[in-house]
């Protein structure tokens, strides 16, 4: 039987400002990538997300990004390689501490937004992230964008690497995510997303914008948690996978 993880980026509010429906998503997903306080999140939100995930048997990971609350971590900021390494280590440490406080434990790290997109194409940045993860806790896995430099960097660092596809994003002909500013970047129809996901998981492929099939391992599927249709999207994807006989379990 084919098995796969279903994850979402959660804990992305800040103070009195909410973002997405973490409670609903934590009843659907098998892993939760929790914002670490720089692009979003704070100690209160992190502790709650980790506690609810523990109660529901959902695996948790750190979701570090650029310190960019205004831009939600989606703007490319020219930090040095060393600065990126320390920013990631700082956030992984914060996530590990708040998870422990909530009686849970992080088992992986997934880079957020612009940081993740840069690391997908820039080996130096990908290496910096992998070094930071390994320095803080070499037992942590790396959740990496499939067919990206993150995969090679994590493997070179000796980390356990798991490849991720996106239910609600379009792909370039090279197998990378279409930039959000370009047509075809986002898939908002839950039925379309669910159908694509089932095909990608069961066939072990990424489907590009033109319909090309690029072979890849698929360990996890991401449904973003910050849009108005996130919960409906996640439910459709989970239901479609289960109907196709795919078992949903945490990858880590």
C-alpha atoms as a PDB file:
ATOM      1  CA  UNK A   1       0.000   0.000   0.000  1.00  0.00           C
ATOM      2  CA  UNK A   2       1.238   3.495  -0.864  1.00  0.00           C
ATOM      3  CA  UNK A   3       1.581   5.783   2.159  1.00  0.00           C
ATOM      4  CA  UNK A   4       2.168   9.518   2.343  1.00  0.00           C
ATOM      5  CA  UNK A   5       2.181  12.384   4.825  1.00  0.00           C
ATOM      6  CA  UNK A   6      -0.166  15.369   4.609  1.00  0.00           C
ATOM      7  CA  UNK A   7       1.237  18.581   6.079  1.00  0.00           C
ATOM      8  CA  UNK A   8       0.259  22.214   6.478  1.00  0.00           C
ATOM      9  CA  UNK A   9       1.994  25.440   7.522  1.00  0.00           C
ATOM     10  CA  UNK A  10       0.361  26.441  10.814  1.00  0.00           C
ATOM     11  CA  UNK A  11       0.828  28.797  13.775  1.00  0.00           C
ATOM     12  CA  UNK A  12       1.012  31.742  11.381  1.00  0.00           C
ATOM     13  CA  UNK A  13      -0.924  34.332  13.361  1.00  0.00           C
ATOM     14  CA  UNK A  14       0.781  36.947  15.507  1.00  0.00           C
ATOM     15  CA  UNK A  15      -0.455  38.379  18.777  1.00  0.00           C
ATOM     16  CA  UNK A  16      -4.111  39.331  18.387  1.00  0.00           C
ATOM     17  CA  UNK A  17      -4.023  38.635  14.641  1.00  0.00           C
ATOM     18  CA  UNK A  18      -5.168  35.204  13.466  1.00  0.00           C
ATOM     19  CA  UNK A  19      -4.254  33.483  10.213  1.00  0.00           C
ATOM     20  CA  UNK A  20      -5.960  30.320   9.028  1.00  0.00           C
ATOM     21  CA  UNK A  21      -7.856  27.752  11.091  1.00  0.00           C
ATOM     22  CA  UNK A  22      -5.259  25.697  12.946  1.00  0.00           C
ATOM     23  CA  UNK A  23      -7.854  23.780  14.967  1.00  0.00           C
ATOM     24  CA  UNK A  24      -9.603  22.532  11.826  1.00  0.00           C
ATOM     25  CA  UNK A  25      -6.391  21.739   9.959  1.00  0.00           C
ATOM     26  CA  UNK A  26      -4.994  19.745  12.886  1.00  0.00           C
ATOM     27  CA  UNK A  27      -7.991  17.414  12.549  1.00  0.00           C
ATOM     28  CA  UNK A  28      -7.020  16.691   8.907  1.00  0.00           C
ATOM     29  CA  UNK A  29      -3.228  16.703   8.500  1.00  0.00           C
ATOM     30  CA  UNK A  30      -0.656  14.233   9.793  1.00  0.00           C
ATOM     31  CA  UNK A  31       2.184  16.770  10.197  1.00  0.00           C
ATOM     32  CA  UNK A  32       2.210  20.470  11.117  1.00  0.00           C
ATOM     33  CA  UNK A  33       4.946  22.930  10.164  1.00  0.00           C
ATOM     34  CA  UNK A  34       4.833  25.545  12.922  1.00  0.00           C
ATOM     35  CA  UNK A  35       6.030  29.116  12.328  1.00  0.00           C
ATOM     36  CA  UNK A  36       8.864  30.047  14.689  1.00  0.00           C
ATOM     37  CA  UNK A  37       8.182  33.726  15.400  1.00  0.00           C
ATOM     38  CA  UNK A  38      10.077  35.610  12.687  1.00  0.00           C
ATOM     39  CA  UNK A  39       7.837  35.524   9.597  1.00  0.00           C
ATOM     40  CA  UNK A  40       4.812  34.756  11.811  1.00  0.00           C
ATOM     41  CA  UNK A  41       3.931  33.145  15.126  1.00  0.00           C
ATOM     42  CA  UNK A  42       4.807  33.929  18.728  1.00  0.00           C
ATOM     43  CA  UNK A  43       5.334  31.894  21.920  1.00  0.00           C
ATOM     44  CA  UNK A  44       1.617  31.749  22.741  1.00  0.00           C
ATOM     45  CA  UNK A  45       0.576  30.617  19.270  1.00  0.00           C
ATOM     46  CA  UNK A  46       3.460  28.142  19.008  1.00  0.00           C
ATOM     47  CA  UNK A  47       2.735  26.537  22.377  1.00  0.00           C
ATOM     48  CA  UNK A  48      -0.944  26.145  21.540  1.00  0.00           C
ATOM     49  CA  UNK A  49      -0.261  24.650  18.114  1.00  0.00           C
ATOM     50  CA  UNK A  50       2.183  22.139  19.563  1.00  0.00           C
ATOM     51  CA  UNK A  51      -0.212  21.202  22.380  1.00  0.00           C
ATOM     52  CA  UNK A  52      -3.170  20.604  20.062  1.00  0.00           C
ATOM     53  CA  UNK A  53      -0.965  18.629  17.671  1.00  0.00           C
ATOM     54  CA  UNK A  54       0.198  16.429  20.553  1.00  0.00           C
ATOM     55  CA  UNK A  55      -3.411  15.769  21.622  1.00  0.00           C
ATOM     56  CA  UNK A  56      -4.347  14.738  18.081  1.00  0.00           C
ATOM     57  CA  UNK A  57      -1.300  12.643  17.299  1.00  0.00           C
ATOM     58  CA  UNK A  58       0.004  15.050  14.656  1.00  0.00           C
ATOM     59  CA  UNK A  59       3.769  15.197  14.084  1.00  0.00           C
ATOM     60  CA  UNK A  60       5.348  18.656  14.295  1.00  0.00           C
ATOM     61  CA  UNK A  61       8.271  20.446  12.720  1.00  0.00           C
ATOM     62  CA  UNK A  62       9.942  23.847  12.789  1.00  0.00           C
ATOM     63  CA  UNK A  63       9.045  26.202   9.928  1.00  0.00           C
ATOM     64  CA  UNK A  64      11.786  28.876   9.912  1.00  0.00           C
ATOM     65  CA  UNK A  65      11.654  31.869   7.580  1.00  0.00           C
ATOM     66  CA  UNK A  66      13.052  35.342   7.082  1.00  0.00           C
ATOM     67  CA  UNK A  67      12.334  37.924   9.827  1.00  0.00           C
ATOM     68  CA  UNK A  68       9.666  39.619   7.731  1.00  0.00           C
ATOM     69  CA  UNK A  69       6.305  40.024   9.459  1.00  0.00           C
ATOM     70  CA  UNK A  70       5.165  42.674   6.981  1.00  0.00           C
ATOM     71  CA  UNK A  71       5.864  40.446   4.005  1.00  0.00           C
ATOM     72  CA  UNK A  72       4.910  37.154   5.693  1.00  0.00           C
ATOM     73  CA  UNK A  73       8.370  35.817   4.905  1.00  0.00           C
ATOM     74  CA  UNK A  74       7.717  35.904   1.181  1.00  0.00           C
ATOM     75  CA  UNK A  75      10.151  38.691   0.294  1.00  0.00           C
ATOM     76  CA  UNK A  76      13.724  37.861  -0.675  1.00  0.00           C
ATOM     77  CA  UNK A  77      16.036  39.527   1.847  1.00  0.00           C
ATOM     78  CA  UNK A  78      19.791  39.557   1.067  1.00  0.00           C
ATOM     79  CA  UNK A  79      21.164  37.971   4.226  1.00  0.00           C
ATOM     80  CA  UNK A  80      24.634  36.476   4.110  1.00  0.00           C
ATOM     81  CA  UNK A  81      25.062  32.708   4.163  1.00  0.00           C
ATOM     82  CA  UNK A  82      26.248  32.864   7.764  1.00  0.00           C
ATOM     83  CA  UNK A  83      23.301  34.995   8.791  1.00  0.00           C
ATOM     84  CA  UNK A  84      20.869  32.543   7.198  1.00  0.00           C
ATOM     85  CA  UNK A  85      22.522  29.656   9.019  1.00  0.00           C
ATOM     86  CA  UNK A  86      22.157  31.398  12.383  1.00  0.00           C
ATOM     87  CA  UNK A  87      18.598  32.567  11.680  1.00  0.00           C
ATOM     88  CA  UNK A  88      17.580  28.970  11.020  1.00  0.00           C
ATOM     89  CA  UNK A  89      19.391  27.627  14.082  1.00  0.00           C
ATOM     90  CA  UNK A  90      17.715  30.306  16.236  1.00  0.00           C
ATOM     91  CA  UNK A  91      14.248  29.380  15.029  1.00  0.00           C
ATOM     92  CA  UNK A  92      14.747  25.615  15.253  1.00  0.00           C
ATOM     93  CA  UNK A  93      15.847  26.092  18.837  1.00  0.00           C
ATOM     94  CA  UNK A  94      12.752  28.153  19.621  1.00  0.00           C
ATOM     95  CA  UNK A  95      10.471  25.525  18.098  1.00  0.00           C
ATOM     96  CA  UNK A  96      12.192  22.702  19.985  1.00  0.00           C
ATOM     97  CA  UNK A  97      11.799  24.600  23.261  1.00  0.00           C
ATOM     98  CA  UNK A  98       8.112  25.467  22.811  1.00  0.00           C
ATOM     99  CA  UNK A  99       7.301  21.947  21.614  1.00  0.00           C
ATOM    100  CA  UNK A 100       8.986  20.502  24.709  1.00  0.00           C
ATOM    101  CA  UNK A 101       7.069  22.985  26.862  1.00  0.00           C
ATOM    102  CA  UNK A 102       3.828  21.675  25.309  1.00  0.00           C
ATOM    103  CA  UNK A 103       4.837  18.052  25.886  1.00  0.00           C
ATOM    104  CA  UNK A 104       5.611  17.371  22.236  1.00  0.00           C
ATOM    105  CA  UNK A 105       8.798  17.072  20.140  1.00  0.00           C
ATOM    106  CA  UNK A 106       9.730  18.464  16.752  1.00  0.00           C
ATOM    107  CA  UNK A 107      10.996  15.798  14.371  1.00  0.00           C
ATOM    108  CA  UNK A 108      11.818  17.816  11.256  1.00  0.00           C
ATOM    109  CA  UNK A 109      12.484  21.244   9.742  1.00  0.00           C
ATOM    110  CA  UNK A 110      10.911  22.822   6.658  1.00  0.00           C
ATOM    111  CA  UNK A 111      12.076  26.201   5.342  1.00  0.00           C
ATOM    112  CA  UNK A 112       9.296  28.747   4.775  1.00  0.00           C
ATOM    113  CA  UNK A 113       8.419  31.062   1.894  1.00  0.00           C
ATOM    114  CA  UNK A 114      11.216  33.002   0.257  1.00  0.00           C
ATOM    115  CA  UNK A 115      13.853  31.204   2.301  1.00  0.00           C
ATOM    116  CA  UNK A 116      12.622  27.839   1.058  1.00  0.00           C
ATOM    117  CA  UNK A 117      12.307  29.032  -2.530  1.00  0.00           C
ATOM    118  CA  UNK A 118      15.848  30.420  -2.554  1.00  0.00           C
ATOM    119  CA  UNK A 119      17.186  27.202  -1.026  1.00  0.00           C
ATOM    120  CA  UNK A 120      15.418  25.209  -3.743  1.00  0.00           C
ATOM    121  CA  UNK A 121      17.650  26.778  -6.386  1.00  0.00           C
ATOM    122  CA  UNK A 122      20.742  28.025  -4.485  1.00  0.00           C
ATOM    123  CA  UNK A 123      22.936  25.234  -3.131  1.00  0.00           C
ATOM    124  CA  UNK A 124      24.842  27.546  -0.780  1.00  0.00           C
ATOM    125  CA  UNK A 125      21.638  28.615   0.967  1.00  0.00           C
ATOM    126  CA  UNK A 126      20.400  25.017   1.033  1.00  0.00           C
ATOM    127  CA  UNK A 127      23.695  23.939   2.609  1.00  0.00           C
ATOM    128  CA  UNK A 128      23.398  26.692   5.236  1.00  0.00           C
ATOM    129  CA  UNK A 129      19.954  25.456   6.252  1.00  0.00           C
ATOM    130  CA  UNK A 130      21.156  21.855   6.423  1.00  0.00           C
ATOM    131  CA  UNK A 131      24.184  22.835   8.543  1.00  0.00           C
ATOM    132  CA  UNK A 132      21.978  24.757  10.950  1.00  0.00           C
ATOM    133  CA  UNK A 133      19.592  21.833  11.378  1.00  0.00           C
ATOM    134  CA  UNK A 134      22.421  19.376  11.900  1.00  0.00           C
ATOM    135  CA  UNK A 135      24.156  21.646  14.414  1.00  0.00           C
ATOM    136  CA  UNK A 136      21.038  22.029  16.548  1.00  0.00           C
ATOM    137  CA  UNK A 137      19.903  18.393  16.368  1.00  0.00           C
ATOM    138  CA  UNK A 138      21.253  15.910  13.782  1.00  0.00           C
ATOM    139  CA  UNK A 139      18.324  13.578  14.465  1.00  0.00           C
ATOM    140  CA  UNK A 140      15.916  16.072  12.889  1.00  0.00           C
ATOM    141  CA  UNK A 141      14.746  15.309   9.371  1.00  0.00           C
ATOM    142  CA  UNK A 142      14.649  17.851   6.557  1.00  0.00           C
ATOM    143  CA  UNK A 143      11.364  18.288   4.685  1.00  0.00           C
ATOM    144  CA  UNK A 144      12.563  19.490   1.295  1.00  0.00           C
ATOM    145  CA  UNK A 145      10.918  20.691  -1.899  1.00  0.00           C
ATOM    146  CA  UNK A 146      11.076  17.734  -4.283  1.00  0.00           C
ATOM    147  CA  UNK A 147      13.723  17.797  -7.041  1.00  0.00           C
ATOM    148  CA  UNK A 148      15.424  20.810  -5.451  1.00  0.00           C
ATOM    149  CA  UNK A 149      18.876  21.734  -4.136  1.00  0.00           C
ATOM    150  CA  UNK A 150      17.457  21.240  -0.637  1.00  0.00           C
ATOM    151  CA  UNK A 151      17.383  17.493  -1.236  1.00  0.00           C
ATOM    152  CA  UNK A 152      21.046  17.305  -2.270  1.00  0.00           C
ATOM    153  CA  UNK A 153      22.143  19.587   0.577  1.00  0.00           C
ATOM    154  CA  UNK A 154      20.308  17.602   3.222  1.00  0.00           C
ATOM    155  CA  UNK A 155      21.678  14.305   1.956  1.00  0.00           C
ATOM    156  CA  UNK A 156      25.222  15.715   1.821  1.00  0.00           C
ATOM    157  CA  UNK A 157      24.883  16.833   5.450  1.00  0.00           C
ATOM    158  CA  UNK A 158      23.822  13.349   6.471  1.00  0.00           C
ATOM    159  CA  UNK A 159      20.276  14.341   7.405  1.00  0.00           C
ATOM    160  CA  UNK A 160      17.214  12.223   6.793  1.00  0.00           C
ATOM    161  CA  UNK A 161      15.565  13.938   3.803  1.00  0.00           C
ATOM    162  CA  UNK A 162      11.903  13.688   2.806  1.00  0.00           C
ATOM    163  CA  UNK A 163      10.626  15.152  -0.455  1.00  0.00           C
ATOM    164  CA  UNK A 164       7.508  17.310  -0.555  1.00  0.00           C
ATOM    165  CA  UNK A 165       5.013  18.239  -3.251  1.00  0.00           C
ATOM    166  CA  UNK A 166       2.342  20.945  -3.069  1.00  0.00           C
ATOM    167  CA  UNK A 167      -1.367  20.338  -3.578  1.00  0.00           C
ATOM    168  CA  UNK A 168      -2.221  23.978  -4.249  1.00  0.00           C
ATOM    169  CA  UNK A 169       0.745  25.149  -6.335  1.00  0.00           C
ATOM    170  CA  UNK A 170       1.638  24.912 -10.016  1.00  0.00           C
ATOM    171  CA  UNK A 171       5.009  23.653 -11.277  1.00  0.00           C
ATOM    172  CA  UNK A 172       7.485  24.900 -13.866  1.00  0.00           C
ATOM    173  CA  UNK A 173       8.872  22.620 -16.564  1.00  0.00           C
ATOM    174  CA  UNK A 174      11.943  22.090 -14.337  1.00  0.00           C
ATOM    175  CA  UNK A 175       9.748  20.835 -11.491  1.00  0.00           C
ATOM    176  CA  UNK A 176      10.003  23.900  -9.282  1.00  0.00           C
ATOM    177  CA  UNK A 177       7.160  26.034  -7.937  1.00  0.00           C
ATOM    178  CA  UNK A 178       5.782  28.722 -10.250  1.00  0.00           C
ATOM    179  CA  UNK A 179       6.385  32.132  -8.650  1.00  0.00           C
ATOM    180  CA  UNK A 180       3.268  33.439  -6.913  1.00  0.00           C
ATOM    181  CA  UNK A 181       3.351  36.560  -9.092  1.00  0.00           C
ATOM    182  CA  UNK A 182       2.910  34.512 -12.284  1.00  0.00           C
ATOM    183  CA  UNK A 183      -0.174  32.870 -13.842  1.00  0.00           C
ATOM    184  CA  UNK A 184      -0.758  29.283 -12.812  1.00  0.00           C
ATOM    185  CA  UNK A 185       1.055  29.622  -9.496  1.00  0.00           C
ATOM    186  CA  UNK A 186      -1.945  28.810  -7.318  1.00  0.00           C
ATOM    187  CA  UNK A 187      -4.532  26.041  -7.657  1.00  0.00           C
ATOM    188  CA  UNK A 188      -7.700  27.079  -5.850  1.00  0.00           C
ATOM    189  CA  UNK A 189     -10.125  24.373  -7.047  1.00  0.00           C
ATOM    190  CA  UNK A 190     -10.137  21.562  -4.420  1.00  0.00           C
ATOM    191  CA  UNK A 191     -11.271  18.946  -6.943  1.00  0.00           C
ATOM    192  CA  UNK A 192      -8.494  19.812  -9.381  1.00  0.00           C
ATOM    193  CA  UNK A 193      -5.896  19.839  -6.615  1.00  0.00           C
ATOM    194  CA  UNK A 194      -7.064  16.507  -5.188  1.00  0.00           C
ATOM    195  CA  UNK A 195      -6.989  14.791  -8.582  1.00  0.00           C
ATOM    196  CA  UNK A 196      -3.471  16.038  -9.302  1.00  0.00           C
ATOM    197  CA  UNK A 197      -2.239  14.967  -5.879  1.00  0.00           C
ATOM    198  CA  UNK A 198      -3.566  11.426  -6.199  1.00  0.00           C
ATOM    199  CA  UNK A 199      -1.847  11.049  -9.577  1.00  0.00           C
ATOM    200  CA  UNK A 200       1.432  12.506  -8.329  1.00  0.00           C
ATOM    201  CA  UNK A 201       1.512  10.324  -5.207  1.00  0.00           C
ATOM    202  CA  UNK A 202       0.469   7.055  -6.824  1.00  0.00           C
ATOM    203  CA  UNK A 203       2.686   7.526  -9.893  1.00  0.00           C
ATOM    204  CA  UNK A 204       5.675   9.126  -8.105  1.00  0.00           C
ATOM    205  CA  UNK A 205       5.743  12.236 -10.299  1.00  0.00           C
ATOM    206  CA  UNK A 206       5.420  15.996 -10.424  1.00  0.00           C
ATOM    207  CA  UNK A 207       2.982  17.316 -13.037  1.00  0.00           C
ATOM    208  CA  UNK A 208       4.230  20.503 -14.689  1.00  0.00           C
ATOM    209  CA  UNK A 209       2.147  23.359 -16.109  1.00  0.00           C
ATOM    210  CA  UNK A 210       2.328  21.811 -19.590  1.00  0.00           C
ATOM    211  CA  UNK A 211       1.392  18.359 -18.305  1.00  0.00           C
ATOM    212  CA  UNK A 212       4.867  16.816 -18.315  1.00  0.00           C
ATOM    213  CA  UNK A 213       5.549  14.097 -15.742  1.00  0.00           C
ATOM    214  CA  UNK A 214       8.810  14.402 -13.801  1.00  0.00           C
ATOM    215  CA  UNK A 215       9.707  11.314 -11.714  1.00  0.00           C
ATOM    216  CA  UNK A 216      10.338  11.934  -8.011  1.00  0.00           C
ATOM    217  CA  UNK A 217       9.930  10.362  -4.618  1.00  0.00           C
ATOM    218  CA  UNK A 218       6.910  11.817  -2.795  1.00  0.00           C
ATOM    219  CA  UNK A 219       6.990  11.565   0.998  1.00  0.00           C
ATOM    220  CA  UNK A 220       4.708  14.451   1.934  1.00  0.00           C
ATOM    221  CA  UNK A 221       2.032  16.749   0.494  1.00  0.00           C
ATOM    222  CA  UNK A 222       1.612  20.361   1.609  1.00  0.00           C
ATOM    223  CA  UNK A 223      -1.691  22.197   1.722  1.00  0.00           C
ATOM    224  CA  UNK A 224      -1.119  25.814   2.736  1.00  0.00           C
ATOM    225  CA  UNK A 225      -3.031  26.838   5.852  1.00  0.00           C
ATOM    226  CA  UNK A 226      -3.289  30.603   5.352  1.00  0.00           C
ATOM    227  CA  UNK A 227      -6.042  30.939   2.727  1.00  0.00           C
ATOM    228  CA  UNK A 228      -9.830  31.039   3.026  1.00  0.00           C
ATOM    229  CA  UNK A 229     -10.185  27.692   1.230  1.00  0.00           C
ATOM    230  CA  UNK A 230      -7.364  25.845   3.014  1.00  0.00           C
ATOM    231  CA  UNK A 231      -9.553  23.600   5.153  1.00  0.00           C
ATOM    232  CA  UNK A 232     -11.803  22.616   2.243  1.00  0.00           C
ATOM    233  CA  UNK A 233      -8.724  21.945   0.120  1.00  0.00           C
ATOM    234  CA  UNK A 234      -7.146  19.742   2.795  1.00  0.00           C
ATOM    235  CA  UNK A 235     -10.368  17.783   3.307  1.00  0.00           C
ATOM    236  CA  UNK A 236     -10.751  17.145  -0.428  1.00  0.00           C
ATOM    237  CA  UNK A 237      -7.143  16.041  -0.761  1.00  0.00           C
ATOM    238  CA  UNK A 238      -7.319  13.705   2.226  1.00  0.00           C
ATOM    239  CA  UNK A 239     -10.611  12.162   1.083  1.00  0.00           C
ATOM    240  CA  UNK A 240      -9.323  11.615  -2.463  1.00  0.00           C
ATOM    241  CA  UNK A 241      -6.144   9.945  -1.212  1.00  0.00           C
ATOM    242  CA  UNK A 242      -8.055   7.641   1.122  1.00  0.00           C
ATOM    243  CA  UNK A 243     -10.494   6.699  -1.654  1.00  0.00           C
ATOM    244  CA  UNK A 244      -7.495   5.859  -3.844  1.00  0.00           C
ATOM    245  CA  UNK A 245      -6.213   3.477  -1.161  1.00  0.00           C
ATOM    246  CA  UNK A 246      -3.343   5.695  -0.018  1.00  0.00           C
ATOM    247  CA  UNK A 247      -2.519   5.453   3.684  1.00  0.00           C
ATOM    248  CA  UNK A 248      -1.929   8.793   5.466  1.00  0.00           C
ATOM    249  CA  UNK A 249       0.836   8.681   8.080  1.00  0.00           C
ATOM    250  CA  UNK A 250       3.492  11.157   9.318  1.00  0.00           C
ATOM    251  CA  UNK A 251       6.690  10.877   7.289  1.00  0.00           C
ATOM    252  CA  UNK A 252       8.885  11.427  10.353  1.00  0.00           C
END
